[in-house]
Protein backbone atom coordinates (compact mmCIF):
# COMPACT_ATOMS: atom_id res chain seq x y z
CA MET A 1 -5.37 7.00 19.02
CA ASP A 2 -4.34 3.06 18.80
CA ASN A 3 -1.51 3.40 16.94
CA ARG A 4 -1.81 -0.80 16.47
CA TYR A 5 -4.46 -0.10 14.14
CA LEU A 6 -3.12 1.95 11.59
CA LYS A 7 -1.68 1.36 8.47
CA ALA A 8 2.51 2.05 7.87
CA ASP A 9 1.50 4.54 5.42
CA GLU A 10 -1.23 6.42 7.94
CA LEU A 11 1.57 6.18 11.22
CA TYR A 12 4.24 7.55 8.92
CA ILE A 13 2.46 10.40 8.17
CA LEU A 14 1.27 11.13 11.68
CA ARG A 15 4.76 10.36 13.06
CA LYS A 16 6.33 13.20 11.06
CA LYS A 17 3.88 15.70 12.11
CA ILE A 18 4.43 14.35 15.76
CA VAL A 19 7.68 15.26 15.47
CA SER A 20 7.82 17.95 12.95
CA ALA A 21 5.26 20.13 15.71
CA VAL A 22 7.43 19.04 18.83
CA THR A 23 10.73 20.10 16.95
CA ASN A 24 9.74 23.13 14.82
CA GLU A 25 6.17 24.29 15.98
CA GLY A 26 7.74 24.24 19.38
CA LEU A 27 4.71 22.01 20.67
CA THR A 28 5.48 20.04 24.12
CA GLN A 29 5.52 16.55 23.91
CA LYS A 30 2.51 16.22 26.35
CA ALA A 31 0.46 19.23 24.12
CA ALA A 32 1.12 16.71 21.00
CA ALA A 33 0.22 13.81 22.48
CA LYS A 34 -3.17 15.30 23.64
CA TYR A 35 -4.21 16.77 19.67
CA PHE A 36 -2.92 14.11 18.16
CA GLY A 37 -4.52 11.81 20.14
CA PHE A 38 -1.43 9.18 21.27
CA SER A 39 0.10 8.23 24.37
CA GLU A 40 3.20 10.02 25.68
CA GLN A 41 5.01 7.15 25.93
CA SER A 42 4.44 7.34 22.03
CA VAL A 43 5.09 10.50 21.20
CA SER A 44 8.50 10.69 23.67
CA THR A 45 9.91 7.65 21.73
CA TYR A 46 9.10 9.26 18.38
CA ILE A 47 10.96 12.33 19.44
CA ARG A 48 13.53 10.04 21.09
CA ASP A 49 14.09 8.04 18.15
CA TYR A 50 14.44 11.05 15.65
CA LYS A 51 17.03 12.48 17.58
CA GLU A 52 18.92 9.43 17.11
CA LYS A 53 18.62 8.08 13.81
CA GLY A 54 17.17 11.41 11.64
CA GLU A 55 14.25 10.71 9.19
CA ALA A 56 15.39 7.00 9.30
CA SER A 57 13.20 7.01 12.65
CA PHE A 58 10.07 7.09 10.37
CA GLU A 59 10.00 4.30 8.56
CA TYR A 60 8.02 1.50 9.70
CA LYS A 61 8.56 -1.96 10.49
CA THR A 62 5.87 -4.00 9.15
CA ARG A 63 4.19 -6.11 12.11
CA GLY A 64 3.43 -9.58 12.84
CA ALA A 65 4.94 -12.99 12.17
CA LYS A 66 7.76 -12.73 9.66
CA PRO A 67 6.46 -14.43 6.13
CA ARG A 68 6.54 -18.29 5.99
CA LYS A 69 7.67 -18.51 9.99
CA GLY A 70 6.82 -22.32 10.84
CA CYS A 71 7.80 -23.28 6.75
CA LYS A 72 9.33 -27.17 7.32
CA LEU A 73 9.47 -27.22 3.27
CA THR A 74 11.69 -24.74 1.37
CA GLU A 75 10.09 -22.02 -1.50
CA SER A 76 11.38 -24.47 -4.04
CA GLN A 77 9.81 -27.29 -2.72
CA GLU A 78 6.65 -25.81 -2.14
CA LEU A 79 6.21 -24.58 -5.47
CA GLU A 80 7.37 -28.07 -6.55
CA ILE A 81 4.14 -29.39 -4.66
CA LYS A 82 2.05 -26.44 -6.26
CA GLN A 83 3.16 -27.49 -9.79
CA ILE A 84 2.32 -31.46 -8.91
CA VAL A 85 -1.28 -30.37 -7.78
CA ILE A 86 -1.71 -28.09 -10.40
CA ILE A 87 -0.41 -30.74 -13.31
CA HIS A 88 -1.40 -34.10 -11.40
CA THR A 89 -3.98 -35.92 -10.16
CA PRO A 90 -2.87 -37.81 -7.05
CA ASP A 91 -3.08 -41.50 -8.07
CA GLN A 92 -0.32 -40.19 -11.09
CA VAL A 93 1.60 -39.16 -7.91
CA GLY A 94 1.35 -42.50 -6.10
CA VAL A 95 -1.47 -41.44 -3.49
CA GLU A 96 -4.38 -43.58 -3.30
CA ALA A 97 -7.34 -40.43 -4.06
CA THR A 98 -8.63 -38.87 -6.61
CA LEU A 99 -9.35 -35.00 -5.80
CA TRP A 100 -6.74 -33.27 -3.65
CA THR A 101 -7.60 -32.71 -0.43
CA ARG A 102 -5.56 -31.17 2.29
CA LYS A 103 -5.28 -34.77 4.08
CA VAL A 104 -3.81 -35.81 0.45
CA VAL A 105 -1.67 -32.91 0.01
CA LYS A 106 0.12 -33.62 3.44
CA GLU A 107 0.30 -37.28 2.53
CA LEU A 108 1.94 -36.22 -0.97
CA ILE A 109 4.19 -34.45 1.66
CA GLU A 110 5.40 -37.25 3.90
CA ILE A 111 5.96 -39.45 0.74
CA LYS A 112 8.23 -36.87 -1.20
CA TYR A 113 10.16 -35.18 1.62
CA GLY A 114 9.58 -37.44 4.92
CA VAL A 115 8.23 -33.99 6.65
CA LEU A 116 5.54 -34.38 8.99
CA TYR A 117 2.92 -31.83 9.21
CA GLU A 118 -0.57 -31.01 10.62
CA VAL A 119 -3.60 -31.00 7.94
CA THR A 120 -4.73 -27.22 9.42
CA ALA A 121 -0.46 -26.12 8.39
CA ILE A 122 -1.32 -27.59 5.13
CA GLY A 123 -4.26 -25.31 4.35
CA ARG A 124 -2.29 -22.12 5.26
CA MET A 125 0.27 -23.49 2.88
CA LEU A 126 -2.32 -24.26 0.55
CA ARG A 127 -3.47 -20.68 0.88
CA ARG A 128 -0.22 -19.19 0.64
CA LEU A 129 0.36 -20.91 -2.28
CA GLY A 130 -2.59 -19.12 -4.45
CA PHE A 131 -5.28 -22.42 -3.82
CA SER A 132 -8.74 -21.94 -2.29
CA PRO A 133 -10.88 -24.71 -0.94
CA GLN A 134 -13.49 -25.59 -3.46
CA LYS A 135 -17.19 -27.81 -3.58
CA PRO A 136 -17.50 -29.59 -6.06
CA LYS A 137 -20.57 -28.58 -8.14
CA LYS A 138 -23.17 -30.91 -8.34
CA LYS A 139 -23.55 -30.57 -12.38
CA ALA A 140 -20.52 -30.73 -14.92
CA TYR A 141 -20.17 -27.15 -16.53
CA GLU A 142 -19.29 -29.19 -19.74
CA GLN A 143 -22.91 -30.48 -19.78
CA ASP A 144 -24.84 -29.68 -23.16
CA PRO A 145 -28.41 -29.40 -22.14
CA GLU A 146 -29.51 -30.68 -25.51
CA LYS A 147 -27.63 -33.99 -25.85
CA VAL A 148 -28.90 -34.86 -22.29
CA LYS A 149 -32.42 -34.68 -23.55
CA GLU A 150 -31.63 -36.52 -26.77
CA TRP A 151 -30.18 -39.44 -24.44
CA PHE A 152 -33.66 -39.40 -21.86
CA GLU A 153 -35.64 -39.54 -24.65
CA ALA A 154 -34.22 -41.66 -26.74
CA ARG A 155 -31.47 -44.23 -25.53
CA TYR A 156 -32.23 -44.49 -22.00
CA PRO A 157 -35.56 -45.76 -22.82
CA ALA A 158 -33.71 -49.01 -25.08
CA ILE A 159 -30.90 -49.59 -22.20
CA LYS A 160 -33.80 -49.97 -19.49
CA LYS A 161 -36.20 -52.08 -21.72
CA LYS A 162 -33.19 -54.20 -22.35
CA HIS A 163 -32.53 -54.20 -18.54
CA LYS A 164 -35.89 -55.56 -18.30
């Protein structure tokens, strides 16, 4: 079994069972490795850690890159950017654009903090801040079909006639 694909709580339980089988039940490390589907090296490491650290050896550290690794802005600066994006439009904060895109947010950060980011990093930051990419709708959700119909039947012909 490849323990890299197990969740931390699953690995916690299995490590505890393996150590218990070897220390309390008298199972050999080789037999425990075969029974639980782990490598002999992993079982040996679990037993050694248990002898050194006791119960604390069962706690498993989270894997992967640390959160916010490679971030150039502080958390408070990122939250400030989030508030700006939520409350304002780009043209209100001095960026020549009408919609928020990754490039526009990148430009805002350069203007506000003097920090350069790649567009892909801006996408990751926006995802971390709770934003997701959106496609604009073809039709406004506030649109009232009755008013549209009335406009086309009553007002539009007059406008068209006047234009001719």
